[in-house]
PDB file of N, CA and C in Angstrom:
ATOM      1  N   GLN A   1      20.156  20.133  18.269  1.00  0.00           N
ATOM      2  CA  GLN A   1      18.742  19.882  18.227  1.00  0.00           C
ATOM      3  C   GLN A   1      17.925  21.101  18.639  1.00  0.00           C
ATOM      4  N   ASP A   2      18.587  22.121  19.093  1.00  0.00           N
ATOM      5  CA  ASP A   2      17.868  23.321  19.523  1.00  0.00           C
ATOM      6  C   ASP A   2      17.769  24.372  18.433  1.00  0.00           C
ATOM      7  N   THR A   3      18.381  24.135  17.283  1.00  0.00           N
ATOM      8  CA  THR A   3      18.348  25.137  16.220  1.00  0.00           C
ATOM      9  C   THR A   3      17.080  24.986  15.387  1.00  0.00           C
ATOM     10  N   PRO A   4      16.588  26.092  14.845  1.00  0.00           N
ATOM     11  CA  PRO A   4      15.394  26.010  13.993  1.00  0.00           C
ATOM     12  C   PRO A   4      15.632  25.196  12.721  1.00  0.00           C
ATOM     13  N   ALA A   5      16.850  25.224  12.181  1.00  0.00           N
ATOM     14  CA  ALA A   5      17.142  24.465  10.968  1.00  0.00           C
ATOM     15  C   ALA A   5      17.003  22.966  11.231  1.00  0.00           C
ATOM     16  N   TRP A   6      17.494  22.523  12.372  1.00  0.00           N
ATOM     17  CA  TRP A   6      17.383  21.105  12.705  1.00  0.00           C
ATOM     18  C   TRP A   6      15.924  20.700  12.875  1.00  0.00           C
ATOM     19  N   ARG A   7      15.146  21.549  13.518  1.00  0.00           N
ATOM     20  CA  ARG A   7      13.741  21.238  13.749  1.00  0.00           C
ATOM     21  C   ARG A   7      12.947  21.146  12.444  1.00  0.00           C
ATOM     22  N   THR A   8      13.260  21.994  11.470  1.00  0.00           N
ATOM     23  CA  THR A   8      12.547  21.904  10.191  1.00  0.00           C
ATOM     24  C   THR A   8      12.924  20.622   9.446  1.00  0.00           C
ATOM     25  N   LYS A   9      14.213  20.240   9.511  1.00  0.00           N
ATOM     26  CA  LYS A   9      14.629  18.984   8.889  1.00  0.00           C
ATOM     27  C   LYS A   9      13.968  17.792   9.573  1.00  0.00           C
ATOM     28  N   TYR A  10      13.900  17.833  10.896  1.00  0.00           N
ATOM     29  CA  TYR A  10      13.306  16.718  11.622  1.00  0.00           C
ATOM     30  C   TYR A  10      11.800  16.637  11.384  1.00  0.00           C
ATOM     31  N   ALA A  11      11.138  17.764  11.217  1.00  0.00           N
ATOM     32  CA  ALA A  11       9.699  17.754  10.941  1.00  0.00           C
ATOM     33  C   ALA A  11       9.427  17.074   9.604  1.00  0.00           C
ATOM     34  N   LEU A  12      10.274  17.302   8.621  1.00  0.00           N
ATOM     35  CA  LEU A  12      10.139  16.633   7.329  1.00  0.00           C
ATOM     36  C   LEU A  12      10.345  15.133   7.482  1.00  0.00           C
ATOM     37  N   ARG A  13      11.362  14.763   8.248  1.00  0.00           N
ATOM     38  CA  ARG A  13      11.643  13.349   8.460  1.00  0.00           C
ATOM     39  C   ARG A  13      10.504  12.671   9.218  1.00  0.00           C
ATOM     40  N   ALA A  14       9.928  13.346  10.188  1.00  0.00           N
ATOM     41  CA  ALA A  14       8.831  12.757  10.962  1.00  0.00           C
ATOM     42  C   ALA A  14       7.628  12.482  10.067  1.00  0.00           C
ATOM     43  N   GLY A  15       7.355  13.349   9.122  1.00  0.00           N
ATOM     44  CA  GLY A  15       6.254  13.118   8.197  1.00  0.00           C
ATOM     45  C   GLY A  15       6.494  11.928   7.298  1.00  0.00           C
ATOM     46  N   ILE A  16       7.724  11.772   6.855  1.00  0.00           N
ATOM     47  CA  ILE A  16       8.064  10.645   5.999  1.00  0.00           C
ATOM     48  C   ILE A  16       8.002   9.342   6.791  1.00  0.00           C
ATOM     49  N   GLU A  17       8.475   9.373   8.026  1.00  0.00           N
ATOM     50  CA  GLU A  17       8.425   8.165   8.840  1.00  0.00           C
ATOM     51  C   GLU A  17       6.987   7.744   9.120  1.00  0.00           C
ATOM     52  N   GLY A  18       6.092   8.699   9.261  1.00  0.00           N
ATOM     53  CA  GLY A  18       4.684   8.370   9.439  1.00  0.00           C
ATOM     54  C   GLY A  18       4.113   7.686   8.216  1.00  0.00           C
ATOM     55  N   THR A  19       4.502   8.144   7.045  1.00  0.00           N
ATOM     56  CA  THR A  19       4.042   7.527   5.798  1.00  0.00           C
ATOM     57  C   THR A  19       4.581   6.110   5.654  1.00  0.00           C
ATOM     58  N   VAL A  20       5.856   5.919   5.970  1.00  0.00           N
ATOM     59  CA  VAL A  20       6.450   4.594   5.883  1.00  0.00           C
ATOM     60  C   VAL A  20       5.782   3.656   6.884  1.00  0.00           C
ATOM     61  N   ASN A  21       5.524   4.143   8.093  1.00  0.00           N
ATOM     62  CA  ASN A  21       4.865   3.322   9.102  1.00  0.00           C
ATOM     63  C   ASN A  21       3.458   2.930   8.652  1.00  0.00           C
ATOM     64  N   GLN A  22       2.754   3.863   8.044  1.00  0.00           N
ATOM     65  CA  GLN A  22       1.417   3.552   7.541  1.00  0.00           C
ATOM     66  C   GLN A  22       1.500   2.504   6.432  1.00  0.00           C
ATOM     67  N   ALA A  23       2.489   2.608   5.581  1.00  0.00           N
ATOM     68  CA  ALA A  23       2.650   1.616   4.511  1.00  0.00           C
ATOM     69  C   ALA A  23       2.934   0.239   5.088  1.00  0.00           C
ATOM     70  N   LEU A  24       3.722   0.171   6.126  1.00  0.00           N
ATOM     71  CA  LEU A  24       4.012  -1.113   6.744  1.00  0.00           C
ATOM     72  C   LEU A  24       2.779  -1.686   7.423  1.00  0.00           C
ATOM     73  N   ASP A  25       2.004  -0.837   8.084  1.00  0.00           N
ATOM     74  CA  ASP A  25       0.812  -1.312   8.790  1.00  0.00           C
ATOM     75  C   ASP A  25      -0.284  -1.746   7.832  1.00  0.00           C
ATOM     76  N   VAL A  26      -0.541  -0.955   6.803  1.00  0.00           N
ATOM     77  CA  VAL A  26      -1.674  -1.220   5.922  1.00  0.00           C
ATOM     78  C   VAL A  26      -1.365  -2.332   4.928  1.00  0.00           C
ATOM     79  N   THR A  27      -0.198  -2.296   4.338  1.00  0.00           N
ATOM     80  CA  THR A  27       0.075  -3.209   3.231  1.00  0.00           C
ATOM     81  C   THR A  27       1.095  -4.294   3.539  1.00  0.00           C
ATOM     82  N   GLY A  28       1.774  -4.217   4.664  1.00  0.00           N
ATOM     83  CA  GLY A  28       2.760  -5.237   4.988  1.00  0.00           C
ATOM     84  C   GLY A  28       3.946  -5.249   4.049  1.00  0.00           C
ATOM     85  N   LEU A  29       4.509  -4.097   3.781  1.00  0.00           N
ATOM     86  CA  LEU A  29       5.605  -3.989   2.814  1.00  0.00           C
ATOM     87  C   LEU A  29       6.952  -4.472   3.343  1.00  0.00           C
ATOM     88  N   ARG A  30       7.000  -4.920   4.561  1.00  0.00           N
ATOM     89  CA  ARG A  30       8.297  -5.345   5.096  1.00  0.00           C
ATOM     90  C   ARG A  30       8.830  -6.569   4.342  1.00  0.00           C
ATOM     91  N   ARG A  31       7.936  -7.424   3.891  1.00  0.00           N
ATOM     92  CA  ARG A  31       8.343  -8.603   3.113  1.00  0.00           C
ATOM     93  C   ARG A  31       7.599  -8.604   1.783  1.00  0.00           C
ATOM     94  N   ALA A  32       8.317  -8.899   0.738  1.00  0.00           N
ATOM     95  CA  ALA A  32       7.698  -8.962  -0.583  1.00  0.00           C
ATOM     96  C   ALA A  32       6.966 -10.290  -0.743  1.00  0.00           C
ATOM     97  N   ARG A  33       5.859 -10.265  -1.431  1.00  0.00           N
ATOM     98  CA  ARG A  33       5.086 -11.475  -1.672  1.00  0.00           C
ATOM     99  C   ARG A  33       5.636 -12.277  -2.837  1.00  0.00           C
ATOM    100  N   TYR A  34       6.312 -11.607  -3.735  1.00  0.00           N
ATOM    101  CA  TYR A  34       6.735 -12.237  -4.974  1.00  0.00           C
ATOM    102  C   TYR A  34       8.243 -12.209  -5.089  1.00  0.00           C
ATOM    103  N   ARG A  35       8.752 -13.021  -5.985  1.00  0.00           N
ATOM    104  CA  ARG A  35      10.181 -13.006  -6.287  1.00  0.00           C
ATOM    105  C   ARG A  35      10.388 -12.282  -7.603  1.00  0.00           C
ATOM    106  N   GLY A  36      11.495 -11.587  -7.681  1.00  0.00           N
ATOM    107  CA  GLY A  36      11.824 -10.884  -8.908  1.00  0.00           C
ATOM    108  C   GLY A  36      11.520  -9.404  -8.776  1.00  0.00           C
ATOM    109  N   LEU A  37      12.433  -8.605  -9.235  1.00  0.00           N
ATOM    110  CA  LEU A  37      12.318  -7.168  -9.092  1.00  0.00           C
ATOM    111  C   LEU A  37      11.098  -6.573  -9.796  1.00  0.00           C
ATOM    112  N   PRO A  38      10.739  -6.999 -11.005  1.00  0.00           N
ATOM    113  CA  PRO A  38       9.555  -6.413 -11.637  1.00  0.00           C
ATOM    114  C   PRO A  38       8.270  -6.648 -10.833  1.00  0.00           C
ATOM    115  N   LYS A  39       8.121  -7.849 -10.274  1.00  0.00           N
ATOM    116  CA  LYS A  39       6.924  -8.135  -9.483  1.00  0.00           C
ATOM    117  C   LYS A  39       6.917  -7.355  -8.174  1.00  0.00           C
ATOM    118  N   VAL A  40       8.070  -7.216  -7.558  1.00  0.00           N
ATOM    119  CA  VAL A  40       8.156  -6.464  -6.306  1.00  0.00           C
ATOM    120  C   VAL A  40       7.868  -4.984  -6.561  1.00  0.00           C
ATOM    121  N   ARG A  41       8.365  -4.465  -7.660  1.00  0.00           N
ATOM    122  CA  ARG A  41       8.068  -3.068  -8.013  1.00  0.00           C
ATOM    123  C   ARG A  41       6.576  -2.862  -8.232  1.00  0.00           C
ATOM    124  N   LEU A  42       5.936  -3.819  -8.882  1.00  0.00           N
ATOM    125  CA  LEU A  42       4.497  -3.733  -9.101  1.00  0.00           C
ATOM    126  C   LEU A  42       3.750  -3.794  -7.766  1.00  0.00           C
ATOM    127  N   GLN A  43       4.202  -4.656  -6.853  1.00  0.00           N
ATOM    128  CA  GLN A  43       3.581  -4.728  -5.531  1.00  0.00           C
ATOM    129  C   GLN A  43       3.726  -3.391  -4.807  1.00  0.00           C
ATOM    130  N   HIS A  44       4.871  -2.771  -4.888  1.00  0.00           N
ATOM    131  CA  HIS A  44       5.081  -1.483  -4.224  1.00  0.00           C
ATOM    132  C   HIS A  44       4.205  -0.397  -4.853  1.00  0.00           C
ATOM    133  N   ALA A  45       4.055  -0.433  -6.158  1.00  0.00           N
ATOM    134  CA  ALA A  45       3.196   0.551  -6.815  1.00  0.00           C
ATOM    135  C   ALA A  45       1.740   0.380  -6.384  1.00  0.00           C
ATOM    136  N   PHE A  46       1.266  -0.864  -6.307  1.00  0.00           N
ATOM    137  CA  PHE A  46      -0.101  -1.107  -5.844  1.00  0.00           C
ATOM    138  C   PHE A  46      -0.268  -0.726  -4.382  1.00  0.00           C
ATOM    139  N   SER A  47       0.755  -0.959  -3.580  1.00  0.00           N
ATOM    140  CA  SER A  47       0.687  -0.580  -2.164  1.00  0.00           C
ATOM    141  C   SER A  47       0.616   0.931  -2.009  1.00  0.00           C
ATOM    142  N   ALA A  48       1.389   1.651  -2.803  1.00  0.00           N
ATOM    143  CA  ALA A  48       1.345   3.111  -2.753  1.00  0.00           C
ATOM    144  C   ALA A  48      -0.020   3.629  -3.184  1.00  0.00           C
ATOM    145  N   ALA A  49      -0.594   3.014  -4.195  1.00  0.00           N
ATOM    146  CA  ALA A  49      -1.934   3.406  -4.631  1.00  0.00           C
ATOM    147  C   ALA A  49      -2.962   3.124  -3.542  1.00  0.00           C
ATOM    148  N   ALA A  50      -2.813   2.004  -2.850  1.00  0.00           N
ATOM    149  CA  ALA A  50      -3.744   1.674  -1.769  1.00  0.00           C
ATOM    150  C   ALA A  50      -3.649   2.686  -0.634  1.00  0.00           C
ATOM    151  N   ILE A  51      -2.444   3.105  -0.297  1.00  0.00           N
ATOM    152  CA  ILE A  51      -2.273   4.096   0.763  1.00  0.00           C
ATOM    153  C   ILE A  51      -2.898   5.418   0.344  1.00  0.00           C
ATOM    154  N   ASN A  52      -2.734   5.785  -0.921  1.00  0.00           N
ATOM    155  CA  ASN A  52      -3.353   7.015  -1.405  1.00  0.00           C
ATOM    156  C   ASN A  52      -4.867   6.944  -1.325  1.00  0.00           C
ATOM    157  N   VAL A  53      -5.450   5.789  -1.638  1.00  0.00           N
ATOM    158  CA  VAL A  53      -6.905   5.627  -1.554  1.00  0.00           C
ATOM    159  C   VAL A  53      -7.364   5.729  -0.106  1.00  0.00           C
ATOM    160  N   VAL A  54      -6.621   5.111   0.809  1.00  0.00           N
ATOM    161  CA  VAL A  54      -6.975   5.192   2.226  1.00  0.00           C
ATOM    162  C   VAL A  54      -6.925   6.635   2.702  1.00  0.00           C
ATOM    163  N   ARG A  55      -5.898   7.353   2.306  1.00  0.00           N
ATOM    164  CA  ARG A  55      -5.776   8.756   2.725  1.00  0.00           C
ATOM    165  C   ARG A  55      -6.852   9.639   2.100  1.00  0.00           C
ATOM    166  N   LEU A  56      -7.186   9.392   0.839  1.00  0.00           N
ATOM    167  CA  LEU A  56      -8.263  10.160   0.212  1.00  0.00           C
ATOM    168  C   LEU A  56      -9.596   9.896   0.887  1.00  0.00           C
ATOM    169  N   ASP A  57      -9.855   8.652   1.236  1.00  0.00           N
ATOM    170  CA  ASP A  57     -11.094   8.323   1.938  1.00  0.00           C
ATOM    171  C   ASP A  57     -11.161   9.034   3.286  1.00  0.00           C
ATOM    172  N   ALA A  58     -10.053   9.040   4.007  1.00  0.00           N
ATOM    173  CA  ALA A  58     -10.032   9.726   5.303  1.00  0.00           C
ATOM    174  C   ALA A  58     -10.226  11.229   5.123  1.00  0.00           C
ATOM    175  N   TYR A  59      -9.668  11.776   4.070  1.00  0.00           N
ATOM    176  CA  TYR A  59      -9.808  13.212   3.818  1.00  0.00           C
ATOM    177  C   TYR A  59     -11.244  13.565   3.439  1.00  0.00           C
ATOM    178  N   TRP A  60     -11.850  12.764   2.557  1.00  0.00           N
ATOM    179  CA  TRP A  60     -13.197  13.063   2.099  1.00  0.00           C
ATOM    180  C   TRP A  60     -14.253  12.807   3.163  1.00  0.00           C
ATOM    181  N   SER A  61     -14.017  11.868   4.046  1.00  0.00           N
ATOM    182  CA  SER A  61     -15.002  11.560   5.076  1.00  0.00           C
ATOM    183  C   SER A  61     -14.733  12.300   6.380  1.00  0.00           C
ATOM    184  N   ASP A  62     -13.750  13.167   6.416  1.00  0.00           N
ATOM    185  CA  ASP A  62     -13.388  13.977   7.589  1.00  0.00           C
ATOM    186  C   ASP A  62     -13.096  13.118   8.811  1.00  0.00           C
ATOM    187  N   GLN A  63     -12.490  11.968   8.601  1.00  0.00           N
ATOM    188  CA  GLN A  63     -12.081  11.115   9.707  1.00  0.00           C
ATOM    189  C   GLN A  63     -10.563  11.095   9.750  1.00  0.00           C
ATOM    190  N   PRO A  64      -9.990  11.268  10.916  1.00  0.00           N
ATOM    191  CA  PRO A  64      -8.527  11.270  10.992  1.00  0.00           C
ATOM    192  C   PRO A  64      -7.958   9.882  10.727  1.00  0.00           C
ATOM    193  N   LEU A  65      -6.709   9.858  10.269  1.00  0.00           N
ATOM    194  CA  LEU A  65      -6.049   8.596   9.973  1.00  0.00           C
ATOM    195  C   LEU A  65      -5.543   7.899  11.233  1.00  0.00           C
ATOM    196  N   ARG A  66      -5.367   8.649  12.292  1.00  0.00           N
ATOM    197  CA  ARG A  66      -4.814   8.053  13.502  1.00  0.00           C
ATOM    198  C   ARG A  66      -5.837   7.138  14.149  1.00  0.00           C
ATOM    199  N   ARG A  67      -5.343   6.085  14.697  1.00  0.00           N
ATOM    200  CA  ARG A  67      -6.202   5.185  15.447  1.00  0.00           C
ATOM    201  C   ARG A  67      -5.512   4.862  16.761  1.00  0.00           C
ATOM    202  N   VAL A  68      -6.280   4.435  17.699  1.00  0.00           N
ATOM    203  CA  VAL A  68      -5.728   4.116  19.002  1.00  0.00           C
ATOM    204  C   VAL A  68      -4.981   2.799  18.903  1.00  0.00           C
ATOM    205  N   ARG A  69      -3.764   2.798  19.371  1.00  0.00           N
ATOM    206  CA  ARG A  69      -2.962   1.583  19.306  1.00  0.00           C
ATOM    207  C   ARG A  69      -3.198   0.753  20.562  1.00  0.00           C
ATOM    208  N   THR A  70      -3.307  -0.539  20.367  1.00  0.00           N
ATOM    209  CA  THR A  70      -3.443  -1.456  21.488  1.00  0.00           C
ATOM    210  C   THR A  70      -2.370  -2.524  21.371  1.00  0.00           C
ATOM    211  N   SER A  71      -1.951  -3.028  22.499  1.00  0.00           N
ATOM    212  CA  SER A  71      -0.923  -4.061  22.487  1.00  0.00           C
ATOM    213  C   SER A  71      -1.531  -5.399  22.093  1.00  0.00           C
ATOM    214  N   ARG A  72      -0.690  -6.328  21.737  1.00  0.00           N
ATOM    215  CA  ARG A  72      -1.175  -7.657  21.361  1.00  0.00           C
ATOM    216  C   ARG A  72      -1.826  -8.354  22.548  1.00  0.00           C
ATOM    217  N   LEU A  73      -1.275  -8.139  23.718  1.00  0.00           N
ATOM    218  CA  LEU A  73      -1.846  -8.742  24.913  1.00  0.00           C
ATOM    219  C   LEU A  73      -3.247  -8.187  25.178  1.00  0.00           C
ATOM    220  N   GLU A  74      -3.417  -6.897  24.985  1.00  0.00           N
ATOM    221  CA  GLU A  74      -4.723  -6.284  25.180  1.00  0.00           C
ATOM    222  C   GLU A  74      -5.740  -6.803  24.160  1.00  0.00           C
ATOM    223  N   ARG A  75      -5.326  -6.978  22.907  1.00  0.00           N
ATOM    224  CA  ARG A  75      -6.229  -7.523  21.893  1.00  0.00           C
ATOM    225  C   ARG A  75      -6.594  -8.968  22.195  1.00  0.00           C
ATOM    226  N   LEU A  76      -5.619  -9.740  22.685  1.00  0.00           N
ATOM    227  CA  LEU A  76      -5.891 -11.123  23.046  1.00  0.00           C
ATOM    228  C   LEU A  76      -6.876 -11.189  24.213  1.00  0.00           C
ATOM    229  N   ALA A  77      -6.688 -10.339  25.206  1.00  0.00           N
ATOM    230  CA  ALA A  77      -7.589 -10.324  26.351  1.00  0.00           C
ATOM    231  C   ALA A  77      -9.004  -9.934  25.898  1.00  0.00           C
ATOM    232  N   TYR A  78      -9.105  -9.020  24.952  1.00  0.00           N
ATOM    233  CA  TYR A  78     -10.419  -8.628  24.448  1.00  0.00           C
ATOM    234  C   TYR A  78     -11.092  -9.787  23.727  1.00  0.00           C
ATOM    235  N   ARG A  79     -10.322 -10.522  22.933  1.00  0.00           N
ATOM    236  CA  ARG A  79     -10.893 -11.673  22.213  1.00  0.00           C
ATOM    237  C   ARG A  79     -11.336 -12.763  23.181  1.00  0.00           C
ATOM    238  N   LEU A  80     -10.593 -12.967  24.240  1.00  0.00           N
ATOM    239  CA  LEU A  80     -10.952 -14.015  25.185  1.00  0.00           C
ATOM    240  C   LEU A  80     -12.203 -13.673  25.993  1.00  0.00           C
ATOM    241  N   THR A  81     -12.425 -12.388  26.227  1.00  0.00           N
ATOM    242  CA  THR A  81     -13.617 -11.991  26.994  1.00  0.00           C
ATOM    243  C   THR A  81     -14.838 -11.855  26.119  1.00  0.00           C
ATOM    244  N   ALA A  82     -14.662 -11.709  24.814  1.00  0.00           N
ATOM    245  CA  ALA A  82     -15.822 -11.522  23.920  1.00  0.00           C
ATOM    246  C   ALA A  82     -16.499 -12.806  23.552  1.00  0.00           C
TER     247      ALA A  82
END
């Protein structure tokens, strides 16, 4: 893990994992909505297009994609106090 070659490979992997995590958060790709491979492929294509639109919007509006993460307990406490 101390070699430069490993670090460049890991940097590539970290970028891909961020994209996959964003896809799971934004579109809920962990479970397919439909049955059948053609419908699932279409859902994945639409999800990829949606992620691209979200990223383009963030790029054009100069707003970063990162957001502050809060735990479920913290969100529940906020809802109860509001």
